[in-house]
Every structure is written in structure tokens, then in C-alpha cells.
Amino acid sequence: MLQQITNAKERWGGVNDVIDRWLNERQELLVRFCSIEGLEEFQSTPTSVSSKIQSFFDILIDYVSAGHFEVYEKLLKQADQYNDDGRTLYDRVYPELQKNTQENLDFADKYATEELCRQNRESLSSDLSKLGEALENRFQLEDQLIEQLHEVHREKTA
């Protein structure tokens, strides 16, 4: 996933400040996600893992919110402005992103507190694996939107 982020930054970096900030936030999201995987600590110091999860949630919520309320809206406006196949892609991809957002929020709800982390520790590894897959899927969907709705339109205006 880190390589995907690097590739995305190389392809679209510098084109738009909103997307640049968002891709940097995506990278930080992945770094924090990876920091949770020290599950051996969980048995002796659940507070440490809970703290890592909370740190991850902070950036996850920021990242998802920026996607829904900044980036996707901007890309949708471009699709409508150019009246091309970008709107069709957006209409196909956006419901998948909404479903993915709900999966992320369900994970956040399940591990929202130190007590919930303790209660759900047996399923944390499995849930992290599912969340990792969901994030990878989300990044791929978002990259499709950026490619179609941003890159193609940039070429039309050049």
C-alpha cells in the first residue's frame, strides 16, 4: 500500500493543493495503521494499543471526511462541468466509498475505548486484517476517481 501512495503522489502531486494534502494524510493514515499491528503489546499493555488505535482513528476520520467533503465534491464538480464519462464513474464508485466508510466507522466504534479494546482483543487481529483490505480497496477506488475526474479534465483544459 505504501508503494501505491508513492505512485499516487508522483502522478498527481503538485497538481492540486487539496489532493496533495489528502495524499499526505493518506500516507500518515497508513503509517498509523501499521503501528497498531504490534499486537504482542496488547496482552501486557492494552493502553498502548488503545492509544495507537485512537491515534489512527483521529487521522482516519480526518482522511475520510476530507474525501467526502472536499476531494469527492471537487472531482464531482469537474465531472459535471465537463459532462463526460466522469460522472458515470463517480456514480458507480461513490456508493462503494460510502459502504467502505461505514466499514471504517464500524471498526472505530468497536474499538473506540480502552475498555472496548480489552473486550474485543480476540478479534482485533482479524478486524485489522479486514480493515487493511478495506483501506486498500478504498485507495484503489479513490485513485480511479482522481485519474478519471481530475487527470483527464486537466488534459482537456491544457
N, C-alpha and C. Protein backbone atom coordinates (compact mmCIF):
# COMPACT_ATOMS: atom_id res chain seq x y z
N MET A 1 0.81 -1.20 0.00
CA MET A 1 0.00 0.00 0.00
C MET A 1 0.86 1.26 0.00
N LEU A 2 2.01 1.20 0.68
CA LEU A 2 2.89 2.37 0.67
C LEU A 2 3.36 2.70 -0.74
N GLN A 3 3.62 1.68 -1.54
CA GLN A 3 4.04 1.92 -2.92
C GLN A 3 2.92 2.59 -3.71
N GLN A 4 1.68 2.20 -3.47
CA GLN A 4 0.54 2.82 -4.14
C GLN A 4 0.46 4.30 -3.79
N ILE A 5 0.71 4.62 -2.54
CA ILE A 5 0.67 6.02 -2.12
C ILE A 5 1.78 6.81 -2.80
N THR A 6 2.97 6.22 -2.84
CA THR A 6 4.09 6.88 -3.52
C THR A 6 3.75 7.11 -4.99
N ASN A 7 3.19 6.11 -5.64
CA ASN A 7 2.81 6.24 -7.05
C ASN A 7 1.77 7.34 -7.23
N ALA A 8 0.78 7.37 -6.36
CA ALA A 8 -0.27 8.39 -6.45
C ALA A 8 0.33 9.79 -6.28
N LYS A 9 1.23 9.94 -5.31
CA LYS A 9 1.85 11.25 -5.08
C LYS A 9 2.68 11.67 -6.29
N GLU A 10 3.35 10.70 -6.91
CA GLU A 10 4.15 11.02 -8.10
C GLU A 10 3.26 11.43 -9.27
N ARG A 11 2.12 10.77 -9.42
CA ARG A 11 1.24 11.05 -10.55
C ARG A 11 0.49 12.36 -10.40
N TRP A 12 -0.02 12.63 -9.20
CA TRP A 12 -0.91 13.76 -9.02
C TRP A 12 -0.36 14.84 -8.11
N GLY A 13 0.81 14.61 -7.53
CA GLY A 13 1.40 15.59 -6.64
C GLY A 13 1.68 16.90 -7.36
N GLY A 14 1.35 17.99 -6.71
CA GLY A 14 1.61 19.31 -7.26
C GLY A 14 0.53 19.81 -8.21
N VAL A 15 -0.43 18.97 -8.55
CA VAL A 15 -1.48 19.36 -9.48
C VAL A 15 -2.54 20.17 -8.75
N ASN A 16 -2.83 19.79 -7.51
CA ASN A 16 -3.90 20.43 -6.75
C ASN A 16 -3.54 20.35 -5.26
N ASP A 17 -3.61 21.48 -4.58
CA ASP A 17 -3.25 21.51 -3.15
C ASP A 17 -4.13 20.61 -2.30
N VAL A 18 -5.41 20.54 -2.59
CA VAL A 18 -6.33 19.71 -1.81
C VAL A 18 -5.93 18.24 -1.94
N ILE A 19 -5.65 17.81 -3.15
CA ILE A 19 -5.27 16.41 -3.37
C ILE A 19 -3.90 16.14 -2.75
N ASP A 20 -2.98 17.09 -2.84
CA ASP A 20 -1.66 16.92 -2.22
C ASP A 20 -1.80 16.69 -0.71
N ARG A 21 -2.56 17.54 -0.04
CA ARG A 21 -2.76 17.39 1.41
C ARG A 21 -3.42 16.05 1.73
N TRP A 22 -4.38 15.70 0.91
CA TRP A 22 -5.12 14.46 1.12
C TRP A 22 -4.22 13.24 0.95
N LEU A 23 -3.36 13.24 -0.06
CA LEU A 23 -2.44 12.12 -0.26
C LEU A 23 -1.42 12.04 0.88
N ASN A 24 -0.98 13.17 1.39
CA ASN A 24 -0.09 13.17 2.56
C ASN A 24 -0.80 12.58 3.77
N GLU A 25 -2.08 12.93 3.92
CA GLU A 25 -2.87 12.39 5.03
C GLU A 25 -3.06 10.88 4.85
N ARG A 26 -3.23 10.45 3.61
CA ARG A 26 -3.35 9.01 3.32
C ARG A 26 -2.10 8.27 3.77
N GLN A 27 -0.95 8.86 3.50
CA GLN A 27 0.31 8.23 3.91
C GLN A 27 0.39 8.14 5.44
N GLU A 28 0.03 9.20 6.13
CA GLU A 28 0.04 9.19 7.59
C GLU A 28 -0.96 8.17 8.14
N LEU A 29 -2.10 8.06 7.50
CA LEU A 29 -3.10 7.07 7.88
C LEU A 29 -2.51 5.67 7.83
N LEU A 30 -1.81 5.37 6.78
CA LEU A 30 -1.22 4.04 6.62
C LEU A 30 -0.11 3.80 7.65
N VAL A 31 0.69 4.81 7.94
CA VAL A 31 1.73 4.68 8.95
C VAL A 31 1.12 4.36 10.31
N ARG A 32 0.06 5.07 10.65
CA ARG A 32 -0.59 4.82 11.94
C ARG A 32 -1.28 3.46 11.97
N PHE A 33 -1.84 3.06 10.85
CA PHE A 33 -2.45 1.73 10.77
C PHE A 33 -1.40 0.66 11.04
N CYS A 34 -0.25 0.80 10.41
CA CYS A 34 0.82 -0.20 10.59
C CYS A 34 1.33 -0.22 12.03
N SER A 35 1.27 0.90 12.73
CA SER A 35 1.77 0.96 14.10
C SER A 35 0.89 0.16 15.07
N ILE A 36 -0.34 -0.10 14.69
CA ILE A 36 -1.26 -0.86 15.55
C ILE A 36 -0.88 -2.33 15.58
N GLU A 37 -0.21 -2.79 14.58
CA GLU A 37 0.00 -4.21 14.42
C GLU A 37 0.93 -4.85 15.45
N GLY A 38 1.44 -4.10 16.42
CA GLY A 38 2.24 -4.66 17.49
C GLY A 38 1.35 -5.32 18.53
N LEU A 39 0.64 -6.32 18.13
CA LEU A 39 -0.38 -6.93 18.99
C LEU A 39 0.19 -7.64 20.20
N GLU A 40 1.46 -8.02 20.18
CA GLU A 40 2.04 -8.67 21.35
C GLU A 40 1.96 -7.76 22.56
N GLU A 41 2.06 -6.45 22.31
CA GLU A 41 1.96 -5.48 23.40
C GLU A 41 0.58 -5.52 24.05
N PHE A 42 -0.41 -5.91 23.30
CA PHE A 42 -1.78 -5.82 23.78
C PHE A 42 -2.01 -6.62 25.05
N GLN A 43 -1.36 -7.76 25.16
CA GLN A 43 -1.56 -8.60 26.33
C GLN A 43 -1.07 -7.92 27.61
N SER A 44 0.06 -7.22 27.52
CA SER A 44 0.61 -6.62 28.73
C SER A 44 0.26 -5.14 28.90
N THR A 45 0.05 -4.44 27.79
CA THR A 45 -0.25 -3.01 27.90
C THR A 45 -1.38 -2.62 26.93
N PRO A 46 -2.61 -2.95 27.26
CA PRO A 46 -3.71 -2.61 26.37
C PRO A 46 -3.86 -1.11 26.16
N THR A 47 -3.40 -0.31 27.13
CA THR A 47 -3.47 1.14 26.99
C THR A 47 -2.65 1.60 25.80
N SER A 48 -1.48 1.00 25.61
CA SER A 48 -0.61 1.37 24.49
C SER A 48 -1.29 1.11 23.15
N VAL A 49 -1.88 -0.06 23.00
CA VAL A 49 -2.56 -0.39 21.74
C VAL A 49 -3.80 0.49 21.59
N SER A 50 -4.53 0.70 22.66
CA SER A 50 -5.69 1.57 22.60
C SER A 50 -5.28 2.98 22.16
N SER A 51 -4.17 3.46 22.68
CA SER A 51 -3.66 4.77 22.30
C SER A 51 -3.31 4.82 20.81
N LYS A 52 -2.70 3.75 20.30
CA LYS A 52 -2.36 3.68 18.87
C LYS A 52 -3.63 3.66 18.03
N ILE A 53 -4.62 2.93 18.48
CA ILE A 53 -5.88 2.86 17.76
C ILE A 53 -6.54 4.23 17.73
N GLN A 54 -6.54 4.92 18.87
CA GLN A 54 -7.15 6.25 18.92
C GLN A 54 -6.42 7.23 18.00
N SER A 55 -5.11 7.14 17.97
CA SER A 55 -4.31 7.98 17.07
C SER A 55 -4.68 7.69 15.61
N PHE A 56 -4.83 6.41 15.31
CA PHE A 56 -5.23 6.00 13.97
C PHE A 56 -6.63 6.54 13.64
N PHE A 57 -7.56 6.43 14.59
CA PHE A 57 -8.93 6.92 14.36
C PHE A 57 -8.94 8.41 14.04
N ASP A 58 -8.11 9.17 14.75
CA ASP A 58 -8.07 10.61 14.52
C ASP A 58 -7.78 10.92 13.05
N ILE A 59 -6.75 10.28 12.51
CA ILE A 59 -6.39 10.56 11.12
C ILE A 59 -7.38 9.89 10.16
N LEU A 60 -7.92 8.74 10.53
CA LEU A 60 -8.91 8.06 9.68
C LEU A 60 -10.13 8.96 9.48
N ILE A 61 -10.64 9.52 10.56
CA ILE A 61 -11.81 10.38 10.47
C ILE A 61 -11.49 11.63 9.65
N ASP A 62 -10.33 12.22 9.87
CA ASP A 62 -9.92 13.39 9.08
C ASP A 62 -9.82 13.03 7.59
N TYR A 63 -9.20 11.90 7.30
CA TYR A 63 -8.99 11.47 5.92
C TYR A 63 -10.32 11.21 5.22
N VAL A 64 -11.18 10.44 5.86
CA VAL A 64 -12.48 10.09 5.27
C VAL A 64 -13.32 11.36 5.08
N SER A 65 -13.30 12.24 6.07
CA SER A 65 -14.06 13.49 5.97
C SER A 65 -13.56 14.36 4.84
N ALA A 66 -12.25 14.48 4.71
CA ALA A 66 -11.69 15.27 3.62
C ALA A 66 -12.09 14.68 2.27
N GLY A 67 -12.10 13.37 2.18
CA GLY A 67 -12.53 12.74 0.94
C GLY A 67 -13.96 13.10 0.61
N HIS A 68 -14.86 12.90 1.57
CA HIS A 68 -16.28 13.13 1.31
C HIS A 68 -16.63 14.61 1.14
N PHE A 69 -16.00 15.49 1.92
CA PHE A 69 -16.44 16.88 1.93
C PHE A 69 -15.53 17.85 1.17
N GLU A 70 -14.42 17.37 0.67
CA GLU A 70 -13.55 18.23 -0.13
C GLU A 70 -13.24 17.59 -1.48
N VAL A 71 -12.54 16.49 -1.43
CA VAL A 71 -11.99 15.90 -2.65
C VAL A 71 -13.09 15.39 -3.58
N TYR A 72 -13.98 14.54 -3.07
CA TYR A 72 -15.01 13.96 -3.94
C TYR A 72 -15.90 15.06 -4.52
N GLU A 73 -16.25 16.05 -3.69
CA GLU A 73 -17.09 17.15 -4.19
C GLU A 73 -16.39 17.91 -5.30
N LYS A 74 -15.11 18.16 -5.11
CA LYS A 74 -14.34 18.88 -6.14
C LYS A 74 -14.30 18.07 -7.43
N LEU A 75 -14.05 16.77 -7.32
CA LEU A 75 -13.99 15.92 -8.50
C LEU A 75 -15.36 15.80 -9.17
N LEU A 76 -16.41 15.76 -8.38
CA LEU A 76 -17.76 15.69 -8.94
C LEU A 76 -18.09 16.97 -9.71
N LYS A 77 -17.72 18.11 -9.17
CA LYS A 77 -17.95 19.38 -9.88
C LYS A 77 -17.23 19.38 -11.22
N GLN A 78 -16.02 18.83 -11.24
CA GLN A 78 -15.29 18.74 -12.51
C GLN A 78 -16.01 17.82 -13.48
N ALA A 79 -16.52 16.71 -12.99
CA ALA A 79 -17.24 15.77 -13.86
C ALA A 79 -18.47 16.44 -14.45
N ASP A 80 -19.21 17.17 -13.63
CA ASP A 80 -20.41 17.86 -14.11
C ASP A 80 -20.04 18.97 -15.09
N GLN A 81 -18.95 19.66 -14.81
CA GLN A 81 -18.51 20.75 -15.68
C GLN A 81 -18.17 20.24 -17.08
N TYR A 82 -17.51 19.08 -17.14
CA TYR A 82 -17.08 18.57 -18.44
C TYR A 82 -18.10 17.64 -19.08
N ASN A 83 -19.13 17.25 -18.31
CA ASN A 83 -20.23 16.45 -18.84
C ASN A 83 -19.73 15.27 -19.67
N ASP A 84 -18.86 14.49 -19.07
CA ASP A 84 -18.31 13.32 -19.77
C ASP A 84 -18.54 12.06 -18.94
N ASP A 85 -17.82 11.01 -19.21
CA ASP A 85 -17.99 9.73 -18.51
C ASP A 85 -17.55 9.79 -17.05
N GLY A 86 -16.95 10.87 -16.64
CA GLY A 86 -16.52 11.00 -15.25
C GLY A 86 -17.67 10.89 -14.28
N ARG A 87 -18.81 11.42 -14.65
CA ARG A 87 -19.99 11.35 -13.77
C ARG A 87 -20.46 9.90 -13.62
N THR A 88 -20.40 9.15 -14.70
CA THR A 88 -20.79 7.74 -14.66
C THR A 88 -19.89 6.97 -13.70
N LEU A 89 -18.59 7.21 -13.79
CA LEU A 89 -17.64 6.56 -12.88
C LEU A 89 -17.92 6.98 -11.45
N TYR A 90 -18.12 8.27 -11.24
CA TYR A 90 -18.40 8.77 -9.89
C TYR A 90 -19.64 8.09 -9.32
N ASP A 91 -20.70 8.01 -10.12
CA ASP A 91 -21.95 7.40 -9.66
C ASP A 91 -21.77 5.92 -9.34
N ARG A 92 -20.83 5.26 -9.99
CA ARG A 92 -20.56 3.85 -9.72
C ARG A 92 -19.67 3.68 -8.49
N VAL A 93 -18.67 4.52 -8.36
CA VAL A 93 -17.66 4.38 -7.31
C VAL A 93 -18.12 4.95 -5.96
N TYR A 94 -18.84 6.05 -5.99
CA TYR A 94 -19.18 6.72 -4.74
C TYR A 94 -19.97 5.84 -3.77
N PRO A 95 -20.96 5.07 -4.22
CA PRO A 95 -21.66 4.18 -3.27
C PRO A 95 -20.71 3.16 -2.62
N GLU A 96 -19.72 2.70 -3.36
CA GLU A 96 -18.73 1.79 -2.79
C GLU A 96 -17.90 2.49 -1.73
N LEU A 97 -17.57 3.75 -1.96
CA LEU A 97 -16.83 4.52 -0.96
C LEU A 97 -17.67 4.76 0.28
N GLN A 98 -18.95 5.00 0.11
CA GLN A 98 -19.83 5.17 1.27
C GLN A 98 -19.90 3.88 2.09
N LYS A 99 -20.02 2.75 1.42
CA LYS A 99 -20.04 1.46 2.11
C LYS A 99 -18.71 1.24 2.85
N ASN A 100 -17.62 1.58 2.20
CA ASN A 100 -16.30 1.44 2.80
C ASN A 100 -16.18 2.35 4.03
N THR A 101 -16.70 3.55 3.94
CA THR A 101 -16.67 4.47 5.07
C THR A 101 -17.40 3.86 6.26
N GLN A 102 -18.52 3.23 6.01
CA GLN A 102 -19.28 2.60 7.10
C GLN A 102 -18.47 1.47 7.74
N GLU A 103 -17.74 0.69 6.92
CA GLU A 103 -16.88 -0.37 7.46
C GLU A 103 -15.82 0.23 8.38
N ASN A 104 -15.24 1.36 7.96
CA ASN A 104 -14.23 2.02 8.78
C ASN A 104 -14.82 2.51 10.09
N LEU A 105 -16.00 3.08 10.02
CA LEU A 105 -16.65 3.59 11.23
C LEU A 105 -17.09 2.47 12.16
N ASP A 106 -17.49 1.34 11.59
CA ASP A 106 -17.85 0.17 12.41
C ASP A 106 -16.63 -0.30 13.21
N PHE A 107 -15.47 -0.33 12.57
CA PHE A 107 -14.24 -0.70 13.27
C PHE A 107 -13.97 0.31 14.39
N ALA A 108 -14.09 1.58 14.06
CA ALA A 108 -13.84 2.63 15.06
C ALA A 108 -14.78 2.49 16.25
N ASP A 109 -16.03 2.19 15.99
CA ASP A 109 -17.00 2.01 17.09
C ASP A 109 -16.64 0.80 17.95
N LYS A 110 -16.18 -0.25 17.33
CA LYS A 110 -15.88 -1.49 18.06
C LYS A 110 -14.67 -1.31 18.98
N TYR A 111 -13.75 -0.42 18.64
CA TYR A 111 -12.52 -0.23 19.42
C TYR A 111 -12.37 1.21 19.92
N ALA A 112 -13.48 1.87 20.17
CA ALA A 112 -13.48 3.29 20.50
C ALA A 112 -12.85 3.64 21.84
N THR A 113 -12.83 2.70 22.77
CA THR A 113 -12.29 2.99 24.09
C THR A 113 -11.32 1.88 24.50
N GLU A 114 -10.56 2.17 25.54
CA GLU A 114 -9.64 1.16 26.06
C GLU A 114 -10.41 -0.08 26.52
N GLU A 115 -11.55 0.14 27.15
CA GLU A 115 -12.37 -0.99 27.61
C GLU A 115 -12.84 -1.84 26.43
N LEU A 116 -13.30 -1.20 25.37
CA LEU A 116 -13.73 -1.95 24.18
C LEU A 116 -12.55 -2.70 23.55
N CYS A 117 -11.38 -2.09 23.58
CA CYS A 117 -10.18 -2.78 23.07
C CYS A 117 -9.93 -4.06 23.87
N ARG A 118 -10.07 -3.96 25.17
CA ARG A 118 -9.90 -5.15 26.02
C ARG A 118 -10.95 -6.22 25.69
N GLN A 119 -12.20 -5.78 25.60
CA GLN A 119 -13.29 -6.72 25.36
C GLN A 119 -13.17 -7.41 24.01
N ASN A 120 -12.65 -6.70 23.02
CA ASN A 120 -12.61 -7.22 21.65
C ASN A 120 -11.22 -7.67 21.21
N ARG A 121 -10.31 -7.85 22.16
CA ARG A 121 -8.92 -8.14 21.81
C ARG A 121 -8.76 -9.44 21.01
N GLU A 122 -9.65 -10.40 21.23
CA GLU A 122 -9.54 -11.67 20.50
C GLU A 122 -9.79 -11.48 19.00
N SER A 123 -10.58 -10.50 18.64
CA SER A 123 -10.90 -10.30 17.22
C SER A 123 -10.11 -9.16 16.58
N LEU A 124 -9.24 -8.51 17.35
CA LEU A 124 -8.52 -7.35 16.83
C LEU A 124 -7.67 -7.70 15.61
N SER A 125 -6.93 -8.78 15.68
CA SER A 125 -6.07 -9.16 14.55
C SER A 125 -6.89 -9.39 13.29
N SER A 126 -7.97 -10.12 13.41
CA SER A 126 -8.85 -10.38 12.27
C SER A 126 -9.49 -9.09 11.75
N ASP A 127 -9.93 -8.25 12.69
CA ASP A 127 -10.56 -6.99 12.29
C ASP A 127 -9.56 -6.06 11.61
N LEU A 128 -8.31 -6.05 12.09
CA LEU A 128 -7.28 -5.23 11.45
C LEU A 128 -7.00 -5.72 10.03
N SER A 129 -7.00 -7.02 9.85
CA SER A 129 -6.79 -7.58 8.52
C SER A 129 -7.91 -7.14 7.57
N LYS A 130 -9.14 -7.23 8.03
CA LYS A 130 -10.28 -6.80 7.22
C LYS A 130 -10.22 -5.30 6.93
N LEU A 131 -9.82 -4.54 7.95
CA LEU A 131 -9.72 -3.09 7.76
C LEU A 131 -8.62 -2.76 6.76
N GLY A 132 -7.50 -3.47 6.82
CA GLY A 132 -6.43 -3.25 5.86
C GLY A 132 -6.90 -3.49 4.43
N GLU A 133 -7.67 -4.55 4.24
CA GLU A 133 -8.23 -4.83 2.91
C GLU A 133 -9.20 -3.73 2.49
N ALA A 134 -10.01 -3.26 3.43
CA ALA A 134 -10.96 -2.19 3.13
C ALA A 134 -10.22 -0.91 2.75
N LEU A 135 -9.14 -0.59 3.45
CA LEU A 135 -8.37 0.61 3.12
C LEU A 135 -7.74 0.48 1.74
N GLU A 136 -7.19 -0.68 1.45
CA GLU A 136 -6.59 -0.87 0.13
C GLU A 136 -7.63 -0.70 -0.97
N ASN A 137 -8.81 -1.26 -0.76
CA ASN A 137 -9.90 -1.10 -1.73
C ASN A 137 -10.29 0.36 -1.85
N ARG A 138 -10.37 1.06 -0.72
CA ARG A 138 -10.73 2.48 -0.74
C ARG A 138 -9.71 3.28 -1.56
N PHE A 139 -8.45 3.04 -1.33
CA PHE A 139 -7.41 3.77 -2.05
C PHE A 139 -7.51 3.53 -3.55
N GLN A 140 -7.79 2.29 -3.94
CA GLN A 140 -7.93 1.97 -5.37
C GLN A 140 -9.13 2.71 -5.98
N LEU A 141 -10.25 2.72 -5.26
CA LEU A 141 -11.43 3.44 -5.76
C LEU A 141 -11.15 4.93 -5.88
N GLU A 142 -10.52 5.48 -4.86
CA GLU A 142 -10.20 6.91 -4.89
C GLU A 142 -9.25 7.24 -6.03
N ASP A 143 -8.29 6.38 -6.25
CA ASP A 143 -7.34 6.62 -7.35
C ASP A 143 -8.04 6.57 -8.70
N GLN A 144 -9.03 5.71 -8.84
CA GLN A 144 -9.82 5.68 -10.08
C GLN A 144 -10.52 7.02 -10.29
N LEU A 145 -11.11 7.54 -9.23
CA LEU A 145 -11.79 8.84 -9.33
C LEU A 145 -10.81 9.94 -9.71
N ILE A 146 -9.70 9.97 -9.02
CA ILE A 146 -8.72 11.02 -9.30
C ILE A 146 -8.24 10.91 -10.74
N GLU A 147 -7.94 9.71 -11.17
CA GLU A 147 -7.46 9.50 -12.54
C GLU A 147 -8.47 10.00 -13.57
N GLN A 148 -9.69 9.56 -13.43
CA GLN A 148 -10.72 9.90 -14.41
C GLN A 148 -11.18 11.34 -14.29
N LEU A 149 -11.50 11.74 -13.09
CA LEU A 149 -12.17 13.02 -12.89
C LEU A 149 -11.22 14.19 -12.71
N HIS A 150 -9.96 13.92 -12.57
CA HIS A 150 -9.02 15.03 -12.40
C HIS A 150 -8.01 15.06 -13.54
N GLU A 151 -7.34 13.97 -13.74
CA GLU A 151 -6.28 13.92 -14.74
C GLU A 151 -6.83 14.16 -16.14
N VAL A 152 -7.91 13.49 -16.49
CA VAL A 152 -8.49 13.64 -17.83
C VAL A 152 -8.97 15.08 -18.04
N HIS A 153 -9.59 15.66 -17.02
CA HIS A 153 -10.07 17.02 -17.16
C HIS A 153 -8.94 18.03 -17.22
N ARG A 154 -7.87 17.73 -16.53
CA ARG A 154 -6.72 18.64 -16.59
C ARG A 154 -6.19 18.68 -18.01
N GLU A 155 -6.16 17.52 -18.68
CA GLU A 155 -5.69 17.47 -20.07
C GLU A 155 -6.61 18.28 -20.99
N LYS A 156 -7.92 18.25 -20.73
CA LYS A 156 -8.87 18.99 -21.56
C LYS A 156 -8.70 20.48 -21.43
N THR A 157 -8.28 20.94 -20.27
CA THR A 157 -8.11 22.38 -20.06
C THR A 157 -6.74 22.87 -20.48
N ALA A 158 -5.82 21.94 -20.71
CA ALA A 158 -4.45 22.33 -21.08
C ALA A 158 -4.38 22.81 -22.52
